[in-house]
């Protein structure tokens, strides 16, 4: 591949979407929505260890559906790093946050490879939601269960 071919192969739309996702992440923090999310997550401790970890995976995956995965993880990390939940290790919370933030199946927005195949594959936005919703629920249960058992 020549240098000219490499430059032409760059998908600038994908890069633009990723770059623009940092703004909404900062807005979540500046507007107080991140703090509100922290209070909401803290109230989820009443669901037990598995339920709480399940909600962390689900929340990070849903957040990744509207902003990039790195923005979602950075935002959620700011919330979780100060939480102390009896019976749940910090490692379990961080693993659930990272795994949930790295697996967005509900929309083509949150993950770069979803964006890359979106147009070329002839997919509609709803295609991701139809298939991804069940897969996301399954992943939340598996990740939360494994984190609860192993960590």
Protein backbone atom coordinates (compact mmCIF):
# COMPACT_ATOMS: atom_id res chain seq x y z
CA UNK A 1 0.00 0.00 0.00
CA UNK A 2 1.33 3.40 -0.87
CA UNK A 3 1.16 6.39 1.43
CA UNK A 4 -1.41 7.99 -0.86
CA UNK A 5 -3.61 4.88 -0.69
CA UNK A 6 -3.32 4.84 3.11
CA UNK A 7 -4.48 8.47 3.36
CA UNK A 8 -7.44 7.76 1.09
CA UNK A 9 -8.40 4.71 3.18
CA UNK A 10 -8.97 6.79 6.31
CA UNK A 11 -12.66 7.15 7.08
CA UNK A 12 -12.86 10.74 8.27
CA UNK A 13 -16.53 10.45 9.21
CA UNK A 14 -15.66 7.81 11.79
CA UNK A 15 -12.83 9.96 13.16
CA UNK A 16 -15.17 12.96 13.34
CA UNK A 17 -17.81 11.01 15.29
CA UNK A 18 -15.19 9.75 17.76
CA UNK A 19 -13.70 13.22 18.22
CA UNK A 20 -17.10 14.82 18.70
CA UNK A 21 -18.10 12.33 21.40
CA UNK A 22 -15.77 13.88 23.97
CA UNK A 23 -17.93 17.01 24.14
CA UNK A 24 -21.05 15.19 25.40
CA UNK A 25 -18.91 13.36 27.96
CA UNK A 26 -17.64 16.66 29.32
CA UNK A 27 -21.20 18.00 29.26
CA UNK A 28 -22.34 15.06 31.41
CA UNK A 29 -19.86 16.13 34.04
CA UNK A 30 -20.38 19.90 33.77
CA UNK A 31 -24.19 19.77 33.90
CA UNK A 32 -24.31 17.55 36.94
CA UNK A 33 -25.79 14.57 35.12
CA UNK A 34 -22.76 12.48 36.04
CA UNK A 35 -23.38 13.27 39.72
CA UNK A 36 -27.05 12.38 39.28
CA UNK A 37 -25.99 9.09 37.68
CA UNK A 38 -23.74 8.44 40.67
CA UNK A 39 -26.63 8.90 43.07
CA UNK A 40 -28.77 6.61 40.91
CA UNK A 41 -26.05 3.96 40.86
CA UNK A 42 -25.56 4.25 44.60
CA UNK A 43 -29.25 3.48 45.06
CA UNK A 44 -28.77 0.30 43.01
CA UNK A 45 -26.75 -1.24 45.83
CA UNK A 46 -30.08 -2.39 47.26
CA UNK A 47 -30.26 -4.91 44.38
CA UNK A 48 -27.46 -6.95 45.93
CA UNK A 49 -23.95 -7.51 44.62
CA UNK A 50 -24.99 -9.18 41.36
CA UNK A 51 -27.72 -6.64 40.66
CA UNK A 52 -25.42 -3.72 41.36
CA UNK A 53 -22.68 -5.06 39.09
CA UNK A 54 -25.32 -5.83 36.44
CA UNK A 55 -26.45 -2.20 36.57
CA UNK A 56 -22.86 -0.94 36.19
CA UNK A 57 -22.41 -3.03 33.03
CA UNK A 58 -25.81 -1.96 31.70
CA UNK A 59 -25.27 1.71 32.48
CA UNK A 60 -21.82 1.81 30.89
CA UNK A 61 -23.08 -0.04 27.82
CA UNK A 62 -26.06 2.33 27.47
CA UNK A 63 -23.82 5.35 27.96
CA UNK A 64 -21.56 3.99 25.24
CA UNK A 65 -24.63 3.96 22.98
CA UNK A 66 -24.70 7.75 22.97
CA UNK A 67 -21.02 8.69 23.39
CA UNK A 68 -17.81 6.87 22.51
CA UNK A 69 -16.65 3.98 24.65
CA UNK A 70 -13.65 5.89 26.00
CA UNK A 71 -15.82 8.86 26.97
CA UNK A 72 -18.31 6.58 28.70
CA UNK A 73 -15.60 4.84 30.71
CA UNK A 74 -13.92 8.11 31.70
CA UNK A 75 -17.25 9.53 32.87
CA UNK A 76 -18.27 6.40 34.76
CA UNK A 77 -14.84 6.03 36.33
CA UNK A 78 -15.22 9.47 37.88
CA UNK A 79 -18.44 8.24 39.48
CA UNK A 80 -17.33 4.79 40.62
CA UNK A 81 -13.87 5.59 41.98
CA UNK A 82 -15.33 7.17 45.12
CA UNK A 83 -18.05 4.56 45.77
CA UNK A 84 -17.66 2.16 48.63
CA UNK A 85 -20.09 -0.76 48.39
CA UNK A 86 -19.93 -3.45 51.07
CA UNK A 87 -19.19 -6.85 49.54
CA UNK A 88 -18.22 -5.46 46.11
CA UNK A 89 -14.57 -4.93 45.33
CA UNK A 90 -13.31 -1.94 43.38
CA UNK A 91 -11.81 -4.39 40.87
CA UNK A 92 -15.25 -5.91 40.21
CA UNK A 93 -16.79 -2.48 39.65
CA UNK A 94 -13.96 -1.39 37.34
CA UNK A 95 -14.05 -4.61 35.30
CA UNK A 96 -17.82 -4.32 34.87
CA UNK A 97 -17.45 -0.68 33.85
CA UNK A 98 -14.72 -1.42 31.29
CA UNK A 99 -16.41 -4.47 29.80
CA UNK A 100 -19.77 -2.70 29.54
CA UNK A 101 -18.16 0.37 28.05
CA UNK A 102 -16.37 -1.70 25.44
CA UNK A 103 -19.37 -3.63 24.18
CA UNK A 104 -22.06 -1.49 22.63
CA UNK A 105 -24.38 -3.56 20.49
CA UNK A 106 -27.49 -1.35 20.67
CA UNK A 107 -26.41 1.48 18.34
CA UNK A 108 -23.78 2.02 15.65
CA UNK A 109 -22.56 5.16 17.46
CA UNK A 110 -20.60 3.92 20.44
CA UNK A 111 -18.00 1.74 18.84
CA UNK A 112 -15.82 2.46 15.83
CA UNK A 113 -16.25 -0.91 14.13
CA UNK A 114 -20.04 -0.54 14.31
CA UNK A 115 -19.67 2.73 12.41
CA UNK A 116 -17.33 1.19 9.88
CA UNK A 117 -19.77 -1.54 8.84
CA UNK A 118 -22.95 0.53 9.24
CA UNK A 119 -23.10 2.02 5.75
CA UNK A 120 -21.15 -0.61 3.82
CA UNK A 121 -23.21 -3.44 5.31
CA UNK A 122 -26.47 -1.75 4.42
CA UNK A 123 -27.64 -1.76 8.03
CA UNK A 124 -30.39 0.41 9.46
CA UNK A 125 -30.10 1.98 12.89
CA UNK A 126 -32.90 -0.28 14.16
CA UNK A 127 -30.96 -3.40 13.10
CA UNK A 128 -28.46 -2.77 15.87
CA UNK A 129 -31.21 -2.33 18.45
CA UNK A 130 -33.13 -5.46 17.40
CA UNK A 131 -30.14 -7.75 17.71
CA UNK A 132 -28.16 -5.81 20.27
CA UNK A 133 -30.74 -5.42 23.04
CA UNK A 134 -30.89 -9.11 23.92
CA UNK A 135 -27.16 -9.49 23.49
CA UNK A 136 -26.57 -6.55 25.85
CA UNK A 137 -28.81 -8.05 28.56
CA UNK A 138 -27.00 -11.38 28.21
CA UNK A 139 -23.59 -9.73 28.40
CA UNK A 140 -24.61 -7.78 31.52
CA UNK A 141 -25.62 -10.99 33.27
CA UNK A 142 -22.44 -12.85 32.28
CA UNK A 143 -20.06 -10.03 33.17
CA UNK A 144 -21.78 -9.26 36.47
CA UNK A 145 -21.90 -12.93 37.40
CA UNK A 146 -18.25 -13.50 36.59
CA UNK A 147 -17.13 -10.35 38.42
CA UNK A 148 -19.23 -11.32 41.43
CA UNK A 149 -17.73 -14.82 41.53
CA UNK A 150 -14.11 -14.18 40.53
CA UNK A 151 -13.42 -10.75 41.99
